[in-house]
Amino acid sequence: MAQEPQLLKGILPMLVLATLTEGPSYGYELVTRLRTSGLPGLTAGTLYPVLARLERDQLLTTRLVPSPSGPARKYYEVTAAGDARLQRAVLDWHELSATVARVLAPRAHPADPAHLTHPPKDDTP
């Protein structure tokens, strides 16, 4: 799936919070989980600033956990405030996606993506 960078930037915090509600995770593992979920181009360089911002905003907490294969890992976990933010973000996302679907409906045809860029011609004289 191709991703528009600005669109991804806008929804990545919500996706991170949603993924972390399934359980705490460290950075590399979180990148892997998000890639597996449909974001194959996600990089650590994109994810870590989002994690830092969510932590700064007290939506995530962190703890260091010793690793048998190297340095300690920084695990991220959603706070109560993070869970509340996620719930609001999900509601906002559903409203926005419904609006986008309404606007695109006259142009969209799942079997022919060309309809997305070229609306049907009016053949009336």
N, C-alpha and C. Protein backbone atom coordinates (compact mmCIF):
# COMPACT_ATOMS: atom_id res chain seq x y z
N MET A 1 0.84 -1.18 0.00
CA MET A 1 0.00 0.00 0.00
C MET A 1 0.89 1.24 0.00
N ALA A 2 0.67 2.13 -0.95
CA ALA A 2 1.42 3.38 -1.00
C ALA A 2 0.84 4.32 0.05
N GLN A 3 1.71 5.08 0.69
CA GLN A 3 1.23 5.98 1.72
C GLN A 3 1.70 7.40 1.45
N GLU A 4 0.79 8.33 1.57
CA GLU A 4 1.09 9.74 1.48
C GLU A 4 1.76 10.13 2.80
N PRO A 5 2.98 10.69 2.75
CA PRO A 5 3.71 10.98 4.00
C PRO A 5 2.94 11.86 4.98
N GLN A 6 2.26 12.89 4.50
CA GLN A 6 1.54 13.77 5.41
C GLN A 6 0.34 13.07 6.04
N LEU A 7 -0.30 12.21 5.28
CA LEU A 7 -1.43 11.45 5.83
C LEU A 7 -0.94 10.51 6.92
N LEU A 8 0.16 9.82 6.65
CA LEU A 8 0.73 8.91 7.65
C LEU A 8 1.14 9.68 8.90
N LYS A 9 1.75 10.84 8.71
CA LYS A 9 2.18 11.65 9.85
C LYS A 9 0.99 12.01 10.74
N GLY A 10 -0.15 12.27 10.11
CA GLY A 10 -1.34 12.65 10.87
C GLY A 10 -1.97 11.51 11.65
N ILE A 11 -1.88 10.30 11.12
CA ILE A 11 -2.56 9.18 11.78
C ILE A 11 -1.62 8.27 12.57
N LEU A 12 -0.31 8.44 12.41
CA LEU A 12 0.62 7.54 13.09
C LEU A 12 0.47 7.55 14.61
N PRO A 13 0.29 8.70 15.26
CA PRO A 13 0.11 8.65 16.72
C PRO A 13 -1.08 7.77 17.13
N MET A 14 -2.18 7.85 16.39
CA MET A 14 -3.35 7.02 16.69
C MET A 14 -3.01 5.54 16.50
N LEU A 15 -2.28 5.22 15.42
CA LEU A 15 -1.93 3.83 15.16
C LEU A 15 -0.96 3.29 16.21
N VAL A 16 -0.05 4.13 16.67
CA VAL A 16 0.89 3.73 17.73
C VAL A 16 0.12 3.45 19.02
N LEU A 17 -0.75 4.37 19.41
CA LEU A 17 -1.54 4.16 20.63
C LEU A 17 -2.39 2.90 20.52
N ALA A 18 -3.03 2.70 19.38
CA ALA A 18 -3.87 1.52 19.19
C ALA A 18 -3.05 0.24 19.29
N THR A 19 -1.88 0.24 18.69
CA THR A 19 -1.03 -0.95 18.72
C THR A 19 -0.55 -1.23 20.14
N LEU A 20 -0.21 -0.17 20.86
CA LEU A 20 0.29 -0.35 22.23
C LEU A 20 -0.81 -0.73 23.22
N THR A 21 -2.08 -0.54 22.87
CA THR A 21 -3.13 -1.02 23.77
C THR A 21 -3.18 -2.54 23.79
N GLU A 22 -2.56 -3.17 22.80
CA GLU A 22 -2.47 -4.63 22.77
C GLU A 22 -1.39 -5.14 23.72
N GLY A 23 -0.56 -4.23 24.21
CA GLY A 23 0.49 -4.60 25.15
C GLY A 23 1.73 -3.75 24.94
N PRO A 24 2.53 -3.57 25.99
CA PRO A 24 3.75 -2.77 25.90
C PRO A 24 4.69 -3.32 24.82
N SER A 25 5.50 -2.43 24.28
CA SER A 25 6.42 -2.83 23.22
C SER A 25 7.61 -1.89 23.22
N TYR A 26 8.74 -2.37 22.72
CA TYR A 26 9.91 -1.51 22.52
C TYR A 26 9.93 -1.07 21.06
N GLY A 27 10.73 -0.07 20.76
CA GLY A 27 10.71 0.58 19.45
C GLY A 27 10.80 -0.34 18.25
N TYR A 28 11.84 -1.17 18.19
CA TYR A 28 12.02 -2.03 17.02
C TYR A 28 10.84 -3.00 16.85
N GLU A 29 10.38 -3.54 17.97
CA GLU A 29 9.23 -4.45 17.92
C GLU A 29 7.99 -3.72 17.42
N LEU A 30 7.82 -2.48 17.85
CA LEU A 30 6.67 -1.69 17.42
C LEU A 30 6.74 -1.40 15.92
N VAL A 31 7.92 -1.07 15.42
CA VAL A 31 8.08 -0.87 13.97
C VAL A 31 7.66 -2.14 13.24
N THR A 32 8.12 -3.28 13.71
CA THR A 32 7.79 -4.56 13.08
C THR A 32 6.29 -4.82 13.12
N ARG A 33 5.66 -4.58 14.25
CA ARG A 33 4.21 -4.80 14.38
C ARG A 33 3.43 -3.90 13.43
N LEU A 34 3.83 -2.64 13.32
CA LEU A 34 3.13 -1.72 12.44
C LEU A 34 3.37 -2.06 10.97
N ARG A 35 4.58 -2.48 10.64
CA ARG A 35 4.85 -2.91 9.26
C ARG A 35 3.97 -4.10 8.91
N THR A 36 3.87 -5.05 9.81
CA THR A 36 3.05 -6.25 9.59
C THR A 36 1.58 -5.88 9.44
N SER A 37 1.16 -4.81 10.10
CA SER A 37 -0.24 -4.37 10.05
C SER A 37 -0.58 -3.61 8.78
N GLY A 38 0.41 -3.34 7.92
CA GLY A 38 0.11 -2.66 6.66
C GLY A 38 0.89 -1.40 6.40
N LEU A 39 1.92 -1.14 7.18
CA LEU A 39 2.77 0.03 6.96
C LEU A 39 4.19 -0.44 6.64
N PRO A 40 4.39 -1.11 5.51
CA PRO A 40 5.69 -1.72 5.22
C PRO A 40 6.83 -0.73 5.10
N GLY A 41 6.54 0.52 4.78
CA GLY A 41 7.60 1.50 4.61
C GLY A 41 7.96 2.26 5.88
N LEU A 42 7.31 1.93 6.99
CA LEU A 42 7.57 2.64 8.25
C LEU A 42 9.00 2.41 8.70
N THR A 43 9.68 3.49 9.09
CA THR A 43 11.06 3.38 9.57
C THR A 43 11.13 3.82 11.03
N ALA A 44 12.20 3.40 11.68
CA ALA A 44 12.43 3.82 13.06
C ALA A 44 12.58 5.34 13.12
N GLY A 45 13.17 5.93 12.09
CA GLY A 45 13.35 7.38 12.04
C GLY A 45 12.03 8.14 12.01
N THR A 46 10.99 7.51 11.51
CA THR A 46 9.66 8.11 11.52
C THR A 46 8.97 7.85 12.85
N LEU A 47 9.16 6.66 13.40
CA LEU A 47 8.45 6.27 14.61
C LEU A 47 8.97 6.94 15.88
N TYR A 48 10.28 7.01 16.06
CA TYR A 48 10.82 7.48 17.34
C TYR A 48 10.42 8.90 17.70
N PRO A 49 10.36 9.85 16.76
CA PRO A 49 9.86 11.18 17.15
C PRO A 49 8.40 11.15 17.62
N VAL A 50 7.59 10.27 17.04
CA VAL A 50 6.20 10.13 17.48
C VAL A 50 6.16 9.58 18.90
N LEU A 51 6.97 8.57 19.18
CA LEU A 51 7.03 8.01 20.53
C LEU A 51 7.48 9.07 21.54
N ALA A 52 8.48 9.86 21.17
CA ALA A 52 8.97 10.91 22.07
C ALA A 52 7.88 11.94 22.35
N ARG A 53 7.13 12.33 21.32
CA ARG A 53 6.06 13.30 21.49
C ARG A 53 4.94 12.73 22.37
N LEU A 54 4.57 11.48 22.14
CA LEU A 54 3.52 10.86 22.95
C LEU A 54 3.96 10.73 24.41
N GLU A 55 5.23 10.43 24.62
CA GLU A 55 5.75 10.35 25.99
C GLU A 55 5.77 11.74 26.64
N ARG A 56 6.23 12.74 25.89
CA ARG A 56 6.27 14.11 26.40
C ARG A 56 4.88 14.59 26.80
N ASP A 57 3.87 14.19 26.01
CA ASP A 57 2.49 14.59 26.28
C ASP A 57 1.81 13.70 27.32
N GLN A 58 2.59 12.81 27.93
CA GLN A 58 2.13 11.90 28.98
C GLN A 58 1.03 10.94 28.52
N LEU A 59 1.10 10.59 27.24
CA LEU A 59 0.17 9.61 26.69
C LEU A 59 0.78 8.21 26.72
N LEU A 60 2.10 8.16 26.93
CA LEU A 60 2.85 6.92 27.08
C LEU A 60 3.76 7.03 28.28
N THR A 61 4.02 5.90 28.92
CA THR A 61 5.08 5.82 29.91
C THR A 61 6.13 4.87 29.35
N THR A 62 7.32 4.94 29.94
CA THR A 62 8.39 4.05 29.49
C THR A 62 9.05 3.39 30.69
N ARG A 63 9.65 2.25 30.41
CA ARG A 63 10.47 1.58 31.43
C ARG A 63 11.56 0.81 30.70
N LEU A 64 12.72 0.75 31.32
CA LEU A 64 13.84 -0.01 30.75
C LEU A 64 13.78 -1.44 31.25
N VAL A 65 13.91 -2.37 30.33
CA VAL A 65 13.87 -3.80 30.65
C VAL A 65 15.16 -4.42 30.14
N PRO A 66 15.91 -5.11 31.02
CA PRO A 66 17.15 -5.75 30.57
C PRO A 66 16.88 -6.71 29.41
N SER A 67 17.82 -6.75 28.48
CA SER A 67 17.70 -7.65 27.34
C SER A 67 18.82 -8.68 27.40
N PRO A 68 18.51 -9.95 27.18
CA PRO A 68 19.55 -10.98 27.21
C PRO A 68 20.51 -10.87 26.03
N SER A 69 20.09 -10.12 24.99
CA SER A 69 20.92 -10.07 23.79
C SER A 69 21.55 -8.70 23.54
N GLY A 70 21.68 -7.87 24.57
CA GLY A 70 22.29 -6.56 24.37
C GLY A 70 21.84 -5.57 25.42
N PRO A 71 21.83 -4.29 25.05
CA PRO A 71 21.45 -3.26 26.02
C PRO A 71 19.97 -3.36 26.40
N ALA A 72 19.62 -2.72 27.50
CA ALA A 72 18.23 -2.71 27.96
C ALA A 72 17.33 -2.10 26.89
N ARG A 73 16.10 -2.57 26.85
CA ARG A 73 15.13 -2.07 25.89
C ARG A 73 14.16 -1.12 26.59
N LYS A 74 13.81 -0.05 25.89
CA LYS A 74 12.86 0.92 26.41
C LYS A 74 11.46 0.51 25.95
N TYR A 75 10.65 0.05 26.90
CA TYR A 75 9.29 -0.37 26.59
C TYR A 75 8.33 0.80 26.77
N TYR A 76 7.39 0.91 25.84
CA TYR A 76 6.38 1.96 25.86
C TYR A 76 5.04 1.34 26.22
N GLU A 77 4.28 2.08 27.04
CA GLU A 77 2.97 1.60 27.48
C GLU A 77 1.99 2.78 27.50
N VAL A 78 0.76 2.53 27.12
CA VAL A 78 -0.26 3.58 27.05
C VAL A 78 -0.74 3.94 28.46
N THR A 79 -0.84 5.24 28.73
CA THR A 79 -1.38 5.72 30.00
C THR A 79 -2.90 5.86 29.88
N ALA A 80 -3.55 6.17 30.99
CA ALA A 80 -5.01 6.41 30.95
C ALA A 80 -5.31 7.60 30.03
N ALA A 81 -4.47 8.63 30.09
CA ALA A 81 -4.66 9.79 29.20
C ALA A 81 -4.47 9.38 27.74
N GLY A 82 -3.53 8.48 27.50
CA GLY A 82 -3.30 7.98 26.14
C GLY A 82 -4.48 7.18 25.64
N ASP A 83 -5.07 6.39 26.51
CA ASP A 83 -6.25 5.61 26.12
C ASP A 83 -7.42 6.54 25.81
N ALA A 84 -7.59 7.58 26.62
CA ALA A 84 -8.67 8.55 26.36
C ALA A 84 -8.43 9.27 25.03
N ARG A 85 -7.18 9.65 24.77
CA ARG A 85 -6.84 10.31 23.50
C ARG A 85 -7.12 9.39 22.33
N LEU A 86 -6.79 8.12 22.48
CA LEU A 86 -7.04 7.15 21.42
C LEU A 86 -8.54 7.04 21.14
N GLN A 87 -9.35 6.98 22.18
CA GLN A 87 -10.80 6.86 21.98
C GLN A 87 -11.33 8.06 21.20
N ARG A 88 -10.86 9.27 21.54
CA ARG A 88 -11.28 10.47 20.80
C ARG A 88 -10.79 10.42 19.36
N ALA A 89 -9.54 9.99 19.17
CA ALA A 89 -8.97 9.91 17.83
C ALA A 89 -9.73 8.93 16.96
N VAL A 90 -10.15 7.81 17.53
CA VAL A 90 -10.91 6.82 16.77
C VAL A 90 -12.26 7.41 16.34
N LEU A 91 -12.93 8.11 17.24
CA LEU A 91 -14.20 8.75 16.87
C LEU A 91 -13.98 9.78 15.76
N ASP A 92 -12.95 10.61 15.91
CA ASP A 92 -12.62 11.61 14.89
C ASP A 92 -12.33 10.93 13.55
N TRP A 93 -11.57 9.82 13.60
CA TRP A 93 -11.22 9.10 12.37
C TRP A 93 -12.47 8.58 11.67
N HIS A 94 -13.40 8.01 12.43
CA HIS A 94 -14.62 7.48 11.82
C HIS A 94 -15.44 8.60 11.17
N GLU A 95 -15.52 9.75 11.84
CA GLU A 95 -16.24 10.89 11.26
C GLU A 95 -15.55 11.37 9.98
N LEU A 96 -14.23 11.51 10.04
CA LEU A 96 -13.48 11.98 8.88
C LEU A 96 -13.57 10.99 7.72
N SER A 97 -13.41 9.71 8.00
CA SER A 97 -13.44 8.73 6.92
C SER A 97 -14.83 8.64 6.29
N ALA A 98 -15.89 8.86 7.08
CA ALA A 98 -17.24 8.88 6.52
C ALA A 98 -17.41 10.09 5.60
N THR A 99 -16.86 11.23 6.00
CA THR A 99 -16.92 12.42 5.16
C THR A 99 -16.16 12.22 3.86
N VAL A 100 -14.96 11.67 3.95
CA VAL A 100 -14.15 11.41 2.76
C VAL A 100 -14.88 10.44 1.83
N ALA A 101 -15.48 9.42 2.39
CA ALA A 101 -16.22 8.44 1.58
C ALA A 101 -17.38 9.10 0.84
N ARG A 102 -18.09 10.01 1.52
CA ARG A 102 -19.20 10.71 0.87
C ARG A 102 -18.71 11.58 -0.28
N VAL A 103 -17.61 12.28 -0.06
CA VAL A 103 -17.07 13.16 -1.11
C VAL A 103 -16.56 12.36 -2.30
N LEU A 104 -15.92 11.24 -2.03
CA LEU A 104 -15.34 10.43 -3.11
C LEU A 104 -16.33 9.49 -3.77
N ALA A 105 -17.46 9.23 -3.16
CA ALA A 105 -18.41 8.23 -3.67
C ALA A 105 -18.77 8.42 -5.14
N PRO A 106 -19.06 9.64 -5.61
CA PRO A 106 -19.42 9.78 -7.02
C PRO A 106 -18.25 9.49 -7.97
N ARG A 107 -17.04 9.51 -7.47
CA ARG A 107 -15.87 9.33 -8.31
C ARG A 107 -15.25 7.95 -8.19
N ALA A 108 -15.60 7.25 -7.16
CA ALA A 108 -14.92 5.99 -6.86
C ALA A 108 -15.68 4.80 -7.43
N HIS A 109 -14.93 3.91 -8.00
CA HIS A 109 -15.46 2.64 -8.47
C HIS A 109 -14.37 1.62 -8.19
N PRO A 110 -14.58 0.69 -7.24
CA PRO A 110 -13.51 -0.20 -6.79
C PRO A 110 -12.82 -0.98 -7.91
N ALA A 111 -13.54 -1.32 -8.96
CA ALA A 111 -12.93 -2.14 -10.01
C ALA A 111 -12.11 -1.30 -10.98
N ASP A 112 -12.28 0.02 -10.96
CA ASP A 112 -11.57 0.88 -11.91
C ASP A 112 -11.01 2.11 -11.21
N PRO A 113 -9.76 2.05 -10.74
CA PRO A 113 -9.18 3.19 -10.02
C PRO A 113 -9.07 4.44 -10.88
N ALA A 114 -9.20 4.35 -12.19
CA ALA A 114 -9.14 5.52 -13.06
C ALA A 114 -10.25 6.51 -12.72
N HIS A 115 -11.36 6.01 -12.18
CA HIS A 115 -12.46 6.90 -11.81
C HIS A 115 -12.07 7.88 -10.71
N LEU A 116 -11.03 7.56 -9.96
CA LEU A 116 -10.59 8.45 -8.89
C LEU A 116 -9.96 9.71 -9.44
N THR A 117 -9.34 9.63 -10.62
CA THR A 117 -8.66 10.80 -11.17
C THR A 117 -9.42 11.42 -12.33
N HIS A 118 -10.31 10.67 -12.96
CA HIS A 118 -11.06 11.17 -14.11
C HIS A 118 -12.55 10.92 -13.89
N PRO A 119 -13.29 11.95 -13.46
CA PRO A 119 -14.72 11.75 -13.24
C PRO A 119 -15.41 11.40 -14.56
N PRO A 120 -16.54 10.70 -14.50
CA PRO A 120 -17.24 10.33 -15.72
C PRO A 120 -17.63 11.57 -16.52
N LYS A 121 -17.58 11.45 -17.85
CA LYS A 121 -17.95 12.56 -18.73
C LYS A 121 -19.46 12.61 -18.86
N ASP A 122 -19.96 13.82 -18.95
CA ASP A 122 -21.39 14.01 -19.17
C ASP A 122 -21.62 14.01 -20.67
N ASP A 123 -22.35 13.01 -21.17
CA ASP A 123 -22.59 12.87 -22.61
C ASP A 123 -23.88 13.53 -23.07
N THR A 124 -24.56 14.26 -22.21
CA THR A 124 -25.80 14.91 -22.62
C THR A 124 -25.50 16.09 -23.53
N PRO A 125 -26.33 16.25 -24.60
CA PRO A 125 -26.10 17.37 -25.54
C PRO A 125 -26.44 18.70 -24.96
